[in-house]
Full PDB file with SEQRES, HELIX, SHEET, SSBOND, CRYST1, ORIGX, SCALE, CONECT and MASTER records, all heavy atoms in Angstrom:
SEQRES   1 A   37  LYS PRO ALA ALA THR PRO LEU GLY ILE ASN ASN VAL MET          
SEQRES   2 A   37  VAL ASN GLY GLU LEU ILE VAL GLU ASN GLY GLU LEU ILE          
SEQRES   3 A   37  ILE GLY SER ALA PRO GLY GLN PRO ILE ARG ARG                  
SHEET    1 AA1 3 VAL A  12  VAL A  14  0                                        
SHEET    2 AA1 3 GLU A  17  GLU A  21 -1                                        
SHEET    3 AA1 3 GLU A  24  LEU A  25 -1                                        
CRYST1    1.000    1.000    1.000  90.00  90.00  90.00 P 1           1          
ORIGX1      1.000000  0.000000  0.000000        0.00000                         
ORIGX2      0.000000  1.000000  0.000000        0.00000                         
ORIGX3      0.000000  0.000000  1.000000        0.00000                         
SCALE1      1.000000  0.000000  0.000000        0.00000                         
SCALE2      0.000000  1.000000  0.000000        0.00000                         
SCALE3      0.000000  0.000000  1.000000        0.00000                         
ATOM      1  N   LYS A   1      -5.133   7.244  -8.858  1.00  0.00           N  
ATOM      2  CA  LYS A   1      -3.781   6.856  -8.627  1.00  0.00           C  
ATOM      3  C   LYS A   1      -3.202   7.506  -7.434  1.00  0.00           C  
ATOM      4  O   LYS A   1      -2.355   8.372  -7.461  1.00  0.00           O  
ATOM      5  CB  LYS A   1      -2.947   7.234  -9.927  1.00  0.00           C  
ATOM      6  CG  LYS A   1      -3.390   6.514 -11.156  1.00  0.00           C  
ATOM      7  CD  LYS A   1      -2.416   6.934 -12.313  1.00  0.00           C  
ATOM      8  CE  LYS A   1      -2.871   6.192 -13.669  1.00  0.00           C  
ATOM      9  NZ  LYS A   1      -2.004   6.602 -14.771  1.00  0.00           N  
ATOM     10  N   PRO A   2      -3.728   7.074  -6.280  1.00  0.00           N  
ATOM     11  CA  PRO A   2      -3.281   7.699  -5.022  1.00  0.00           C  
ATOM     12  C   PRO A   2      -1.921   7.464  -4.583  1.00  0.00           C  
ATOM     13  O   PRO A   2      -1.457   8.244  -3.784  1.00  0.00           O  
ATOM     14  CB  PRO A   2      -4.261   7.105  -4.000  1.00  0.00           C  
ATOM     15  CG  PRO A   2      -4.766   5.791  -4.554  1.00  0.00           C  
ATOM     16  CD  PRO A   2      -4.784   5.997  -6.045  1.00  0.00           C  
ATOM     17  N   ALA A   3      -1.226   6.514  -5.157  1.00  0.00           N  
ATOM     18  CA  ALA A   3       0.117   6.135  -4.721  1.00  0.00           C  
ATOM     19  C   ALA A   3       1.144   6.822  -5.563  1.00  0.00           C  
ATOM     20  O   ALA A   3       2.414   6.483  -5.297  1.00  0.00           O  
ATOM     21  CB  ALA A   3       0.324   4.603  -4.721  1.00  0.00           C  
ATOM     22  N   ALA A   4       0.808   7.660  -6.483  1.00  0.00           N  
ATOM     23  CA  ALA A   4       1.760   8.352  -7.232  1.00  0.00           C  
ATOM     24  C   ALA A   4       2.552   9.368  -6.419  1.00  0.00           C  
ATOM     25  O   ALA A   4       1.943  10.237  -5.703  1.00  0.00           O  
ATOM     26  CB  ALA A   4       1.087   9.051  -8.450  1.00  0.00           C  
ATOM     27  N   THR A   5       3.870   9.256  -6.452  1.00  0.00           N  
ATOM     28  CA  THR A   5       4.677  10.121  -5.539  1.00  0.00           C  
ATOM     29  C   THR A   5       4.840  11.540  -6.240  1.00  0.00           C  
ATOM     30  O   THR A   5       4.781  11.694  -7.458  1.00  0.00           O  
ATOM     31  CB  THR A   5       6.107   9.498  -5.398  1.00  0.00           C  
ATOM     32  OG1 THR A   5       6.697   9.208  -6.692  1.00  0.00           O  
ATOM     33  CG2 THR A   5       6.006   8.163  -4.627  1.00  0.00           C  
ATOM     34  N   PRO A   6       5.058  12.480  -5.434  1.00  0.00           N  
ATOM     35  CA  PRO A   6       5.114  13.916  -5.855  1.00  0.00           C  
ATOM     36  C   PRO A   6       6.474  14.183  -6.597  1.00  0.00           C  
ATOM     37  O   PRO A   6       7.461  13.389  -6.466  1.00  0.00           O  
ATOM     38  CB  PRO A   6       4.959  14.763  -4.613  1.00  0.00           C  
ATOM     39  CG  PRO A   6       5.543  13.872  -3.494  1.00  0.00           C  
ATOM     40  CD  PRO A   6       5.151  12.481  -3.945  1.00  0.00           C  
ATOM     41  N   LEU A   7       6.610  15.338  -7.236  1.00  0.00           N  
ATOM     42  CA  LEU A   7       7.814  15.760  -7.860  1.00  0.00           C  
ATOM     43  C   LEU A   7       8.194  17.138  -7.230  1.00  0.00           C  
ATOM     44  O   LEU A   7       7.323  17.841  -6.663  1.00  0.00           O  
ATOM     45  CB  LEU A   7       7.589  15.986  -9.303  1.00  0.00           C  
ATOM     46  CG  LEU A   7       7.173  14.735 -10.122  1.00  0.00           C  
ATOM     47  CD1 LEU A   7       6.982  15.188 -11.694  1.00  0.00           C  
ATOM     48  CD2 LEU A   7       8.271  13.592 -10.132  1.00  0.00           C  
ATOM     49  N   GLY A   8       9.480  17.454  -7.367  1.00  0.00           N  
ATOM     50  CA  GLY A   8       9.964  18.739  -6.941  1.00  0.00           C  
ATOM     51  C   GLY A   8      10.461  18.810  -5.538  1.00  0.00           C  
ATOM     52  O   GLY A   8      11.150  19.768  -5.184  1.00  0.00           O  
ATOM     53  N   ILE A   9      10.203  17.804  -4.720  1.00  0.00           N  
ATOM     54  CA  ILE A   9      10.771  17.750  -3.395  1.00  0.00           C  
ATOM     55  C   ILE A   9      12.055  17.026  -3.591  1.00  0.00           C  
ATOM     56  O   ILE A   9      12.173  15.824  -3.590  1.00  0.00           O  
ATOM     57  CB  ILE A   9       9.935  16.993  -2.382  1.00  0.00           C  
ATOM     58  CG1 ILE A   9       8.485  17.611  -2.413  1.00  0.00           C  
ATOM     59  CG2 ILE A   9      10.412  17.012  -0.984  1.00  0.00           C  
ATOM     60  CD1 ILE A   9       8.442  19.118  -1.884  1.00  0.00           C  
ATOM     61  N   ASN A  10      13.181  17.803  -3.628  1.00  0.00           N  
ATOM     62  CA  ASN A  10      14.446  17.294  -4.096  1.00  0.00           C  
ATOM     63  C   ASN A  10      15.227  16.610  -2.937  1.00  0.00           C  
ATOM     64  O   ASN A  10      15.901  15.504  -3.194  1.00  0.00           O  
ATOM     65  CB  ASN A  10      15.276  18.298  -4.794  1.00  0.00           C  
ATOM     66  CG  ASN A  10      14.648  18.770  -6.064  1.00  0.00           C  
ATOM     67  OD1 ASN A  10      13.958  17.972  -6.718  1.00  0.00           O  
ATOM     68  ND2 ASN A  10      14.684  20.036  -6.374  1.00  0.00           N  
ATOM     69  N   ASN A  11      15.369  17.193  -1.787  1.00  0.00           N  
ATOM     70  CA  ASN A  11      16.084  16.640  -0.708  1.00  0.00           C  
ATOM     71  C   ASN A  11      15.346  16.790   0.625  1.00  0.00           C  
ATOM     72  O   ASN A  11      14.752  17.903   0.888  1.00  0.00           O  
ATOM     73  CB  ASN A  11      17.402  17.310  -0.579  1.00  0.00           C  
ATOM     74  CG  ASN A  11      18.392  17.146  -1.732  1.00  0.00           C  
ATOM     75  OD1 ASN A  11      19.043  16.132  -1.808  1.00  0.00           O  
ATOM     76  ND2 ASN A  11      18.386  18.011  -2.659  1.00  0.00           N  
ATOM     77  N   VAL A  12      15.297  15.776   1.389  1.00  0.00           N  
ATOM     78  CA  VAL A  12      14.682  15.891   2.748  1.00  0.00           C  
ATOM     79  C   VAL A  12      15.616  15.259   3.774  1.00  0.00           C  
ATOM     80  O   VAL A  12      16.183  14.112   3.567  1.00  0.00           O  
ATOM     81  CB  VAL A  12      13.359  15.019   2.742  1.00  0.00           C  
ATOM     82  CG1 VAL A  12      12.702  15.125   4.165  1.00  0.00           C  
ATOM     83  CG2 VAL A  12      12.401  15.617   1.662  1.00  0.00           C  
ATOM     84  N   MET A  13      15.795  16.019   4.722  1.00  0.00           N  
ATOM     85  CA  MET A  13      16.820  15.579   5.841  1.00  0.00           C  
ATOM     86  C   MET A  13      16.064  15.468   7.117  1.00  0.00           C  
ATOM     87  O   MET A  13      15.255  16.355   7.492  1.00  0.00           O  
ATOM     88  CB  MET A  13      17.897  16.678   5.933  1.00  0.00           C  
ATOM     89  CG  MET A  13      18.945  16.387   6.907  1.00  0.00           C  
ATOM     90  SD  MET A  13      20.238  17.651   7.011  1.00  0.00           S  
ATOM     91  CE  MET A  13      21.118  17.146   5.492  1.00  0.00           C  
ATOM     92  N   VAL A  14      16.305  14.418   7.869  1.00  0.00           N  
ATOM     93  CA  VAL A  14      15.738  14.146   9.218  1.00  0.00           C  
ATOM     94  C   VAL A  14      16.781  13.892  10.226  1.00  0.00           C  
ATOM     95  O   VAL A  14      17.621  13.090  10.023  1.00  0.00           O  
ATOM     96  CB  VAL A  14      14.692  12.985   9.206  1.00  0.00           C  
ATOM     97  CG1 VAL A  14      14.131  12.719  10.561  1.00  0.00           C  
ATOM     98  CG2 VAL A  14      13.589  13.170   8.197  1.00  0.00           C  
ATOM     99  N   ASN A  15      16.882  14.831  11.205  1.00  0.00           N  
ATOM    100  CA  ASN A  15      17.946  14.707  12.228  1.00  0.00           C  
ATOM    101  C   ASN A  15      19.319  14.665  11.576  1.00  0.00           C  
ATOM    102  O   ASN A  15      20.162  13.935  12.106  1.00  0.00           O  
ATOM    103  CB  ASN A  15      17.650  13.502  13.111  1.00  0.00           C  
ATOM    104  CG  ASN A  15      16.342  13.601  13.929  1.00  0.00           C  
ATOM    105  OD1 ASN A  15      16.074  14.677  14.485  1.00  0.00           O  
ATOM    106  ND2 ASN A  15      15.528  12.592  13.836  1.00  0.00           N  
ATOM    107  N   GLY A  16      19.404  15.433  10.555  1.00  0.00           N  
ATOM    108  CA  GLY A  16      20.740  15.591   9.875  1.00  0.00           C  
ATOM    109  C   GLY A  16      21.021  14.547   8.875  1.00  0.00           C  
ATOM    110  O   GLY A  16      22.193  14.548   8.296  1.00  0.00           O  
ATOM    111  N   GLU A  17      20.210  13.618   8.621  1.00  0.00           N  
ATOM    112  CA  GLU A  17      20.439  12.532   7.642  1.00  0.00           C  
ATOM    113  C   GLU A  17      19.532  12.578   6.475  1.00  0.00           C  
ATOM    114  O   GLU A  17      18.292  12.756   6.745  1.00  0.00           O  
ATOM    115  CB  GLU A  17      20.281  11.145   8.351  1.00  0.00           C  
ATOM    116  CG  GLU A  17      20.631   9.961   7.442  1.00  0.00           C  
ATOM    117  CD  GLU A  17      20.536   8.615   8.144  1.00  0.00           C  
ATOM    118  OE1 GLU A  17      20.870   8.562   9.366  1.00  0.00           O  
ATOM    119  OE2 GLU A  17      20.255   7.578   7.507  1.00  0.00           O  
ATOM    120  N   LEU A  18      20.011  12.471   5.265  1.00  0.00           N  
ATOM    121  CA  LEU A  18      19.091  12.508   4.104  1.00  0.00           C  
ATOM    122  C   LEU A  18      18.244  11.302   4.025  1.00  0.00           C  
ATOM    123  O   LEU A  18      18.808  10.140   4.152  1.00  0.00           O  
ATOM    124  CB  LEU A  18      19.899  12.647   2.817  1.00  0.00           C  
ATOM    125  CG  LEU A  18      20.493  14.028   2.468  1.00  0.00           C  
ATOM    126  CD1 LEU A  18      21.452  13.890   1.323  1.00  0.00           C  
ATOM    127  CD2 LEU A  18      19.418  15.063   2.240  1.00  0.00           C  
ATOM    128  N   ILE A  19      16.976  11.466   3.778  1.00  0.00           N  
ATOM    129  CA  ILE A  19      16.060  10.384   3.563  1.00  0.00           C  
ATOM    130  C   ILE A  19      15.550  10.404   2.110  1.00  0.00           C  
ATOM    131  O   ILE A  19      15.102   9.436   1.605  1.00  0.00           O  
ATOM    132  CB  ILE A  19      14.862  10.290   4.483  1.00  0.00           C  
ATOM    133  CG1 ILE A  19      13.953  11.480   4.325  1.00  0.00           C  
ATOM    134  CG2 ILE A  19      15.368  10.150   5.931  1.00  0.00           C  
ATOM    135  CD1 ILE A  19      12.567  11.299   4.968  1.00  0.00           C  
ATOM    136  N   VAL A  20      15.662  11.618   1.531  1.00  0.00           N  
ATOM    137  CA  VAL A  20      15.355  11.829   0.125  1.00  0.00           C  
ATOM    138  C   VAL A  20      16.499  12.600  -0.498  1.00  0.00           C  
ATOM    139  O   VAL A  20      16.938  13.589   0.040  1.00  0.00           O  
ATOM    140  CB  VAL A  20      14.028  12.568  -0.137  1.00  0.00           C  
ATOM    141  CG1 VAL A  20      13.839  12.881  -1.605  1.00  0.00           C  
ATOM    142  CG2 VAL A  20      12.822  11.764   0.489  1.00  0.00           C  
ATOM    143  N   GLU A  21      17.056  12.050  -1.617  1.00  0.00           N  
ATOM    144  CA  GLU A  21      18.205  12.767  -2.320  1.00  0.00           C  
ATOM    145  C   GLU A  21      17.917  12.816  -3.826  1.00  0.00           C  
ATOM    146  O   GLU A  21      17.513  11.784  -4.410  1.00  0.00           O  
ATOM    147  CB  GLU A  21      19.448  11.938  -2.036  1.00  0.00           C  
ATOM    148  CG  GLU A  21      20.679  12.619  -2.626  1.00  0.00           C  
ATOM    149  CD  GLU A  21      22.084  11.900  -2.257  1.00  0.00           C  
ATOM    150  OE1 GLU A  21      21.937  10.675  -1.867  1.00  0.00           O  
ATOM    151  OE2 GLU A  21      23.002  12.506  -2.431  1.00  0.00           O  
ATOM    152  N   ASN A  22      18.050  14.061  -4.310  1.00  0.00           N  
ATOM    153  CA  ASN A  22      17.676  14.195  -5.750  1.00  0.00           C  
ATOM    154  C   ASN A  22      16.290  13.672  -6.105  1.00  0.00           C  
ATOM    155  O   ASN A  22      16.149  13.046  -7.166  1.00  0.00           O  
ATOM    156  CB  ASN A  22      18.704  13.625  -6.659  1.00  0.00           C  
ATOM    157  CG  ASN A  22      20.118  14.300  -6.396  1.00  0.00           C  
ATOM    158  OD1 ASN A  22      20.241  15.463  -6.199  1.00  0.00           O  
ATOM    159  ND2 ASN A  22      21.152  13.463  -6.403  1.00  0.00           N  
ATOM    160  N   GLY A  23      15.360  13.821  -5.284  1.00  0.00           N  
ATOM    161  CA  GLY A  23      13.957  13.342  -5.441  1.00  0.00           C  
ATOM    162  C   GLY A  23      13.712  11.940  -5.248  1.00  0.00           C  
ATOM    163  O   GLY A  23      12.533  11.518  -5.549  1.00  0.00           O  
ATOM    164  N   GLU A  24      14.639  11.131  -4.826  1.00  0.00           N  
ATOM    165  CA  GLU A  24      14.503   9.674  -4.711  1.00  0.00           C  
ATOM    166  C   GLU A  24      14.583   9.349  -3.240  1.00  0.00           C  
ATOM    167  O   GLU A  24      15.506   9.730  -2.486  1.00  0.00           O  
ATOM    168  CB  GLU A  24      15.463   8.887  -5.494  1.00  0.00           C  
ATOM    169  CG  GLU A  24      15.482   9.107  -7.002  1.00  0.00           C  
ATOM    170  CD  GLU A  24      14.222   8.508  -7.611  1.00  0.00           C  
ATOM    171  OE1 GLU A  24      13.626   7.524  -7.029  1.00  0.00           O  
ATOM    172  OE2 GLU A  24      13.716   9.010  -8.580  1.00  0.00           O  
ATOM    173  N   LEU A  25      13.685   8.437  -2.761  1.00  0.00           N  
ATOM    174  CA  LEU A  25      13.721   7.971  -1.393  1.00  0.00           C  
ATOM    175  C   LEU A  25      14.980   7.110  -1.172  1.00  0.00           C  
ATOM    176  O   LEU A  25      15.293   6.279  -2.090  1.00  0.00           O  
ATOM    177  CB  LEU A  25      12.525   7.129  -1.097  1.00  0.00           C  
ATOM    178  CG  LEU A  25      12.473   6.549   0.307  1.00  0.00           C  
ATOM    179  CD1 LEU A  25      12.023   7.591   1.344  1.00  0.00           C  
ATOM    180  CD2 LEU A  25      11.413   5.332   0.389  1.00  0.00           C  
ATOM    181  N   ILE A  26      15.700   7.285  -0.180  1.00  0.00           N  
ATOM    182  CA  ILE A  26      16.876   6.427   0.208  1.00  0.00           C  
ATOM    183  C   ILE A  26      16.399   5.312   1.035  1.00  0.00           C  
ATOM    184  O   ILE A  26      16.050   5.444   2.197  1.00  0.00           O  
ATOM    185  CB  ILE A  26      17.868   7.233   0.948  1.00  0.00           C  
ATOM    186  CG1 ILE A  26      18.325   8.475   0.122  1.00  0.00           C  
ATOM    187  CG2 ILE A  26      19.126   6.379   1.233  1.00  0.00           C  
ATOM    188  CD1 ILE A  26      19.303   9.390   0.869  1.00  0.00           C  
ATOM    189  N   ILE A  27      16.275   4.155   0.368  1.00  0.00           N  
ATOM    190  CA  ILE A  27      15.818   2.925   1.026  1.00  0.00           C  
ATOM    191  C   ILE A  27      16.829   2.534   2.216  1.00  0.00           C  
ATOM    192  O   ILE A  27      17.968   2.501   1.835  1.00  0.00           O  
ATOM    193  CB  ILE A  27      15.604   1.753   0.051  1.00  0.00           C  
ATOM    194  CG1 ILE A  27      14.687   2.106  -1.077  1.00  0.00           C  
ATOM    195  CG2 ILE A  27      15.140   0.561   0.815  1.00  0.00           C  
ATOM    196  CD1 ILE A  27      13.264   2.440  -0.618  1.00  0.00           C  
ATOM    197  N   GLY A  28      16.319   2.336   3.312  1.00  0.00           N  
ATOM    198  CA  GLY A  28      17.230   2.000   4.389  1.00  0.00           C  
ATOM    199  C   GLY A  28      17.606   3.086   5.303  1.00  0.00           C  
ATOM    200  O   GLY A  28      18.187   2.917   6.379  1.00  0.00           O  
ATOM    201  N   SER A  29      17.428   4.295   4.887  1.00  0.00           N  
ATOM    202  CA  SER A  29      17.737   5.493   5.689  1.00  0.00           C  
ATOM    203  C   SER A  29      16.580   5.573   6.727  1.00  0.00           C  
ATOM    204  O   SER A  29      15.401   5.707   6.473  1.00  0.00           O  
ATOM    205  CB  SER A  29      17.725   6.714   4.909  1.00  0.00           C  
ATOM    206  OG  SER A  29      18.010   7.918   5.641  1.00  0.00           O  
ATOM    207  N   ALA A  30      17.025   5.537   8.010  1.00  0.00           N  
ATOM    208  CA  ALA A  30      16.023   5.452   9.080  1.00  0.00           C  
ATOM    209  C   ALA A  30      16.364   6.311  10.318  1.00  0.00           C  
ATOM    210  O   ALA A  30      16.651   5.732  11.488  1.00  0.00           O  
ATOM    211  CB  ALA A  30      15.853   4.036   9.543  1.00  0.00           C  
ATOM    212  N   PRO A  31      16.472   7.622  10.150  1.00  0.00           N  
ATOM    213  CA  PRO A  31      16.869   8.449  11.267  1.00  0.00           C  
ATOM    214  C   PRO A  31      15.690   8.886  12.103  1.00  0.00           C  
ATOM    215  O   PRO A  31      15.843   9.701  13.086  1.00  0.00           O  
ATOM    216  CB  PRO A  31      17.464   9.704  10.545  1.00  0.00           C  
ATOM    217  CG  PRO A  31      16.651   9.789   9.268  1.00  0.00           C  
ATOM    218  CD  PRO A  31      16.465   8.323   8.851  1.00  0.00           C  
ATOM    219  N   GLY A  32      14.495   8.476  11.846  1.00  0.00           N  
ATOM    220  CA  GLY A  32      13.337   8.903  12.581  1.00  0.00           C  
ATOM    221  C   GLY A  32      13.398   8.588  14.055  1.00  0.00           C  
ATOM    222  O   GLY A  32      13.882   7.517  14.442  1.00  0.00           O  
ATOM    223  N   GLN A  33      12.987   9.619  14.887  1.00  0.00           N  
ATOM    224  CA  GLN A  33      13.113   9.378  16.371  1.00  0.00           C  
ATOM    225  C   GLN A  33      11.668   9.512  16.998  1.00  0.00           C  
ATOM    226  O   GLN A  33      10.851  10.258  16.405  1.00  0.00           O  
ATOM    227  CB  GLN A  33      14.034  10.398  16.936  1.00  0.00           C  
ATOM    228  CG  GLN A  33      15.448  10.334  16.465  1.00  0.00           C  
ATOM    229  CD  GLN A  33      16.119   8.938  17.063  1.00  0.00           C  
ATOM    230  OE1 GLN A  33      15.902   8.648  18.187  1.00  0.00           O  
ATOM    231  NE2 GLN A  33      16.782   8.269  16.126  1.00  0.00           N  
ATOM    232  N   PRO A  34      11.516   8.897  18.132  1.00  0.00           N  
ATOM    233  CA  PRO A  34      10.179   9.099  18.742  1.00  0.00           C  
ATOM    234  C   PRO A  34       9.955  10.429  19.312  1.00  0.00           C  
ATOM    235  O   PRO A  34      10.918  11.111  19.929  1.00  0.00           O  
ATOM    236  CB  PRO A  34      10.174   8.061  19.954  1.00  0.00           C  
ATOM    237  CG  PRO A  34      11.668   7.850  20.186  1.00  0.00           C  
ATOM    238  CD  PRO A  34      12.308   8.080  18.868  1.00  0.00           C  
ATOM    239  N   ILE A  35       8.801  11.082  19.043  1.00  0.00           N  
ATOM    240  CA  ILE A  35       8.395  12.342  19.770  1.00  0.00           C  
ATOM    241  C   ILE A  35       7.448  11.914  20.889  1.00  0.00           C  
ATOM    242  O   ILE A  35       6.387  11.285  20.640  1.00  0.00           O  
ATOM    243  CB  ILE A  35       7.637  13.252  18.748  1.00  0.00           C  
ATOM    244  CG1 ILE A  35       8.475  13.436  17.531  1.00  0.00           C  
ATOM    245  CG2 ILE A  35       7.261  14.547  19.472  1.00  0.00           C  
ATOM    246  CD1 ILE A  35       9.790  14.213  17.837  1.00  0.00           C  
ATOM    247  N   ARG A  36       7.922  12.100  22.128  1.00  0.00           N  
ATOM    248  CA  ARG A  36       7.273  11.539  23.215  1.00  0.00           C  
ATOM    249  C   ARG A  36       7.398  12.376  24.515  1.00  0.00           C  
ATOM    250  O   ARG A  36       8.602  12.903  24.729  1.00  0.00           O  
ATOM    251  CB  ARG A  36       7.769  10.051  23.452  1.00  0.00           C  
ATOM    252  CG  ARG A  36       7.006   9.280  24.473  1.00  0.00           C  
ATOM    253  CD  ARG A  36       7.617   7.861  24.453  1.00  0.00           C  
ATOM    254  NE  ARG A  36       6.906   6.905  25.334  1.00  0.00           N  
ATOM    255  CZ  ARG A  36       7.252   5.629  25.556  1.00  0.00           C  
ATOM    256  NH1 ARG A  36       8.153   5.131  24.830  1.00  0.00           N  
ATOM    257  NH2 ARG A  36       6.427   4.851  26.315  1.00  0.00           N  
ATOM    258  N   ARG A  37       6.488  12.451  25.325  1.00  0.00           N  
ATOM    259  CA  ARG A  37       6.652  13.075  26.662  1.00  0.00           C  
ATOM    260  C   ARG A  37       7.387  12.041  27.635  1.00  0.00           C  
ATOM    261  O   ARG A  37       7.490  10.957  27.351  1.00  0.00           O  
ATOM    262  CB  ARG A  37       5.299  13.465  27.237  1.00  0.00           C  
ATOM    263  CG  ARG A  37       4.688  14.571  26.422  1.00  0.00           C  
ATOM    264  CD  ARG A  37       3.239  14.816  26.964  1.00  0.00           C  
ATOM    265  NE  ARG A  37       3.100  15.018  28.385  1.00  0.00           N  
ATOM    266  CZ  ARG A  37       2.743  14.132  29.253  1.00  0.00           C  
ATOM    267  NH1 ARG A  37       2.430  12.952  28.867  1.00  0.00           N  
ATOM    268  NH2 ARG A  37       2.674  14.352  30.513  1.00  0.00           N  
TER     269      ARG A  37                                                      
MASTER        0    0    0    0    3    0    0    6  268    1    0    3          
END                                                                             
């Protein structure tokens, strides 16, 4: 069951915007930025 999501990661913030809140992915949250030279 490789697609089973983990537990215990409650909040994840990227560039100041939550993408995971209370353990749930926020669909539509898209603060990712390119890392580029």
